[in-house]
Amino acid sequence: MPTRFSKTRKHRGHVSAGHGRVGKHRKHPGGRGMAGGQLASLLPEDVREKYVSGEAKDTAPVIDLLNLGYSKLLGKGRLPEFPFVVRARYVSKLAERKITEAGGVIELVA
């Protein structure tokens, strides 16, 4: 696109060039791309609390990674003390070892 057709040309001569005087056009507030927001647990808080407190003893929670948008399970991080079932397409050796040591089960889904 030629420079003369760009929208910034229309803003020349106007003080804040469409970015507002109060808010201002600052670099990248909130980060770039998919940055942030990855601190939430994959298990909902009320479901997790039920299993941590020991209320539910007969069943284990099922975490379906495909529904959550993940296909491979990696082994970084710590696991809760209660057993759970994980459904994933691919699982690393470290993740498999950690889950089985915690008493959990891995279901491979095609």
C-alpha atoms as a PDB file:
ATOM      1  CA  MET A   1       0.000   0.000   0.000  1.00  0.00           C
ATOM      2  CA  PRO A   2       1.434   3.388  -0.936  1.00  0.00           C
ATOM      3  CA  THR A   3       2.184   5.709   1.953  1.00  0.00           C
ATOM      4  CA  ARG A   4      -0.258   8.319   0.689  1.00  0.00           C
ATOM      5  CA  PHE A   5      -3.173   5.913   1.229  1.00  0.00           C
ATOM      6  CA  SER A   6      -2.265   4.915   4.791  1.00  0.00           C
ATOM      7  CA  LYS A   7      -4.611   6.021   7.562  1.00  0.00           C
ATOM      8  CA  THR A   8      -1.821   7.691   9.514  1.00  0.00           C
ATOM      9  CA  ARG A   9      -1.631  10.350   6.798  1.00  0.00           C
ATOM     10  CA  LYS A  10      -5.184  11.425   7.668  1.00  0.00           C
ATOM     11  CA  HIS A  11      -4.182  11.971  11.313  1.00  0.00           C
ATOM     12  CA  ARG A  12      -1.361  14.413  10.520  1.00  0.00           C
ATOM     13  CA  GLY A  13      -2.009  17.816  12.030  1.00  0.00           C
ATOM     14  CA  HIS A  14      -4.223  16.458  14.794  1.00  0.00           C
ATOM     15  CA  VAL A  15      -2.444  16.398  18.129  1.00  0.00           C
ATOM     16  CA  SER A  16      -2.879  12.837  19.389  1.00  0.00           C
ATOM     17  CA  ALA A  17      -3.330  11.130  15.988  1.00  0.00           C
ATOM     18  CA  GLY A  18      -6.385   9.126  17.037  1.00  0.00           C
ATOM     19  CA  HIS A  19      -4.849   7.624  20.153  1.00  0.00           C
ATOM     20  CA  GLY A  20      -6.509   9.934  22.675  1.00  0.00           C
ATOM     21  CA  ARG A  21      -4.976  12.448  25.041  1.00  0.00           C
ATOM     22  CA  VAL A  22      -5.866  10.758  28.326  1.00  0.00           C
ATOM     23  CA  GLY A  23      -5.176   7.069  27.659  1.00  0.00           C
ATOM     24  CA  LYS A  24      -2.228   7.637  25.308  1.00  0.00           C
ATOM     25  CA  HIS A  25      -0.743   5.142  22.898  1.00  0.00           C
ATOM     26  CA  ARG A  26       1.725   3.165  24.980  1.00  0.00           C
ATOM     27  CA  LYS A  27       3.901   0.277  23.818  1.00  0.00           C
ATOM     28  CA  HIS A  28       2.360  -3.128  24.663  1.00  0.00           C
ATOM     29  CA  PRO A  29       0.184  -3.005  27.766  1.00  0.00           C
ATOM     30  CA  GLY A  30      -0.679  -6.568  28.698  1.00  0.00           C
ATOM     31  CA  GLY A  31       2.193  -8.109  26.758  1.00  0.00           C
ATOM     32  CA  ARG A  32       2.310  -9.470  23.244  1.00  0.00           C
ATOM     33  CA  GLY A  33       0.261 -12.265  21.751  1.00  0.00           C
ATOM     34  CA  MET A  34      -0.835 -14.968  24.177  1.00  0.00           C
ATOM     35  CA  ALA A  35       1.188 -13.580  27.092  1.00  0.00           C
ATOM     36  CA  GLY A  36      -0.329 -13.900  30.562  1.00  0.00           C
ATOM     37  CA  GLY A  37      -3.376 -15.728  31.777  1.00  0.00           C
ATOM     38  CA  GLN A  38      -1.703 -19.111  32.140  1.00  0.00           C
ATOM     39  CA  LEU A  39      -1.853 -19.196  35.911  1.00  0.00           C
ATOM     40  CA  ALA A  40      -5.353 -20.636  36.144  1.00  0.00           C
ATOM     41  CA  SER A  41      -5.561 -24.274  37.170  1.00  0.00           C
ATOM     42  CA  LEU A  42      -6.879 -26.793  34.677  1.00  0.00           C
ATOM     43  CA  LEU A  43      -9.237 -28.143  37.324  1.00  0.00           C
ATOM     44  CA  PRO A  44     -11.977 -25.749  38.445  1.00  0.00           C
ATOM     45  CA  GLU A  45     -11.377 -24.508  42.002  1.00  0.00           C
ATOM     46  CA  ASP A  46     -14.503 -26.076  43.527  1.00  0.00           C
ATOM     47  CA  VAL A  47     -13.763 -29.472  41.949  1.00  0.00           C
ATOM     48  CA  ARG A  48     -10.135 -29.357  43.105  1.00  0.00           C
ATOM     49  CA  GLU A  49     -11.126 -28.369  46.644  1.00  0.00           C
ATOM     50  CA  LYS A  50     -13.484 -31.333  46.865  1.00  0.00           C
ATOM     51  CA  TYR A  51     -10.676 -33.783  46.131  1.00  0.00           C
ATOM     52  CA  VAL A  52      -7.998 -32.030  48.195  1.00  0.00           C
ATOM     53  CA  SER A  53     -10.213 -31.900  51.284  1.00  0.00           C
ATOM     54  CA  GLY A  54     -10.952 -35.629  50.974  1.00  0.00           C
ATOM     55  CA  GLU A  55     -14.731 -35.371  50.451  1.00  0.00           C
ATOM     56  CA  ALA A  56     -14.646 -37.417  47.256  1.00  0.00           C
ATOM     57  CA  LYS A  57     -12.878 -40.716  47.883  1.00  0.00           C
ATOM     58  CA  ASP A  58     -14.593 -43.027  45.410  1.00  0.00           C
ATOM     59  CA  THR A  59     -13.873 -41.258  42.104  1.00  0.00           C
ATOM     60  CA  ALA A  60     -10.881 -39.491  40.599  1.00  0.00           C
ATOM     61  CA  PRO A  61     -11.211 -36.285  38.569  1.00  0.00           C
ATOM     62  CA  VAL A  62     -10.725 -36.654  34.822  1.00  0.00           C
ATOM     63  CA  ILE A  63      -8.672 -34.026  32.992  1.00  0.00           C
ATOM     64  CA  ASP A  64      -9.290 -34.196  29.241  1.00  0.00           C
ATOM     65  CA  LEU A  65      -6.465 -32.205  27.670  1.00  0.00           C
ATOM     66  CA  LEU A  66      -7.931 -32.353  24.163  1.00  0.00           C
ATOM     67  CA  ASN A  67     -11.043 -30.483  25.305  1.00  0.00           C
ATOM     68  CA  LEU A  68      -8.775 -27.913  26.954  1.00  0.00           C
ATOM     69  CA  GLY A  69      -6.848 -27.386  23.718  1.00  0.00           C
ATOM     70  CA  TYR A  70      -3.686 -29.367  24.524  1.00  0.00           C
ATOM     71  CA  SER A  71      -2.489 -32.545  22.832  1.00  0.00           C
ATOM     72  CA  LYS A  72       0.834 -33.282  24.566  1.00  0.00           C
ATOM     73  CA  LEU A  73       1.406 -33.541  28.304  1.00  0.00           C
ATOM     74  CA  LEU A  74       4.882 -32.556  29.511  1.00  0.00           C
ATOM     75  CA  GLY A  75       6.389 -33.358  32.901  1.00  0.00           C
ATOM     76  CA  LYS A  76       7.401 -29.953  34.258  1.00  0.00           C
ATOM     77  CA  GLY A  77       5.811 -28.860  37.517  1.00  0.00           C
ATOM     78  CA  ARG A  78       4.398 -30.451  40.643  1.00  0.00           C
ATOM     79  CA  LEU A  79       1.310 -32.609  41.021  1.00  0.00           C
ATOM     80  CA  PRO A  80      -1.373 -32.683  43.718  1.00  0.00           C
ATOM     81  CA  GLU A  81      -1.300 -35.559  46.190  1.00  0.00           C
ATOM     82  CA  PHE A  82      -4.600 -37.126  45.117  1.00  0.00           C
ATOM     83  CA  PRO A  83      -4.845 -39.478  42.089  1.00  0.00           C
ATOM     84  CA  PHE A  84      -6.492 -38.317  38.881  1.00  0.00           C
ATOM     85  CA  VAL A  85      -7.084 -39.488  35.320  1.00  0.00           C
ATOM     86  CA  VAL A  86      -5.500 -37.651  32.389  1.00  0.00           C
ATOM     87  CA  ARG A  87      -6.600 -38.051  28.783  1.00  0.00           C
ATOM     88  CA  ALA A  88      -4.043 -36.867  26.238  1.00  0.00           C
ATOM     89  CA  ARG A  89      -2.798 -37.684  22.767  1.00  0.00           C
ATOM     90  CA  TYR A  90       0.915 -37.652  23.676  1.00  0.00           C
ATOM     91  CA  VAL A  91       2.631 -37.941  27.072  1.00  0.00           C
ATOM     92  CA  SER A  92       6.321 -37.453  27.879  1.00  0.00           C
ATOM     93  CA  LYS A  93       8.178 -40.078  29.920  1.00  0.00           C
ATOM     94  CA  LEU A  94       8.673 -37.718  32.854  1.00  0.00           C
ATOM     95  CA  ALA A  95       4.971 -36.800  32.944  1.00  0.00           C
ATOM     96  CA  GLU A  96       3.985 -40.456  32.798  1.00  0.00           C
ATOM     97  CA  ARG A  97       6.321 -41.318  35.674  1.00  0.00           C
ATOM     98  CA  LYS A  98       5.080 -38.457  37.868  1.00  0.00           C
ATOM     99  CA  ILE A  99       1.402 -39.258  37.329  1.00  0.00           C
ATOM    100  CA  THR A 100       1.776 -42.975  37.987  1.00  0.00           C
ATOM    101  CA  GLU A 101       3.830 -42.292  41.136  1.00  0.00           C
ATOM    102  CA  ALA A 102       1.020 -40.047  42.382  1.00  0.00           C
ATOM    103  CA  GLY A 103      -1.446 -42.891  41.798  1.00  0.00           C
ATOM    104  CA  GLY A 104      -2.974 -41.414  38.664  1.00  0.00           C
ATOM    105  CA  VAL A 105      -3.852 -43.014  35.344  1.00  0.00           C
ATOM    106  CA  ILE A 106      -3.046 -41.890  31.798  1.00  0.00           C
ATOM    107  CA  GLU A 107      -5.462 -42.629  28.963  1.00  0.00           C
ATOM    108  CA  LEU A 108      -4.005 -42.181  25.487  1.00  0.00           C
ATOM    109  CA  VAL A 109      -6.589 -40.853  23.038  1.00  0.00           C
ATOM    110  CA  ALA A 110      -6.146 -41.184  19.273  1.00  0.00           C
END
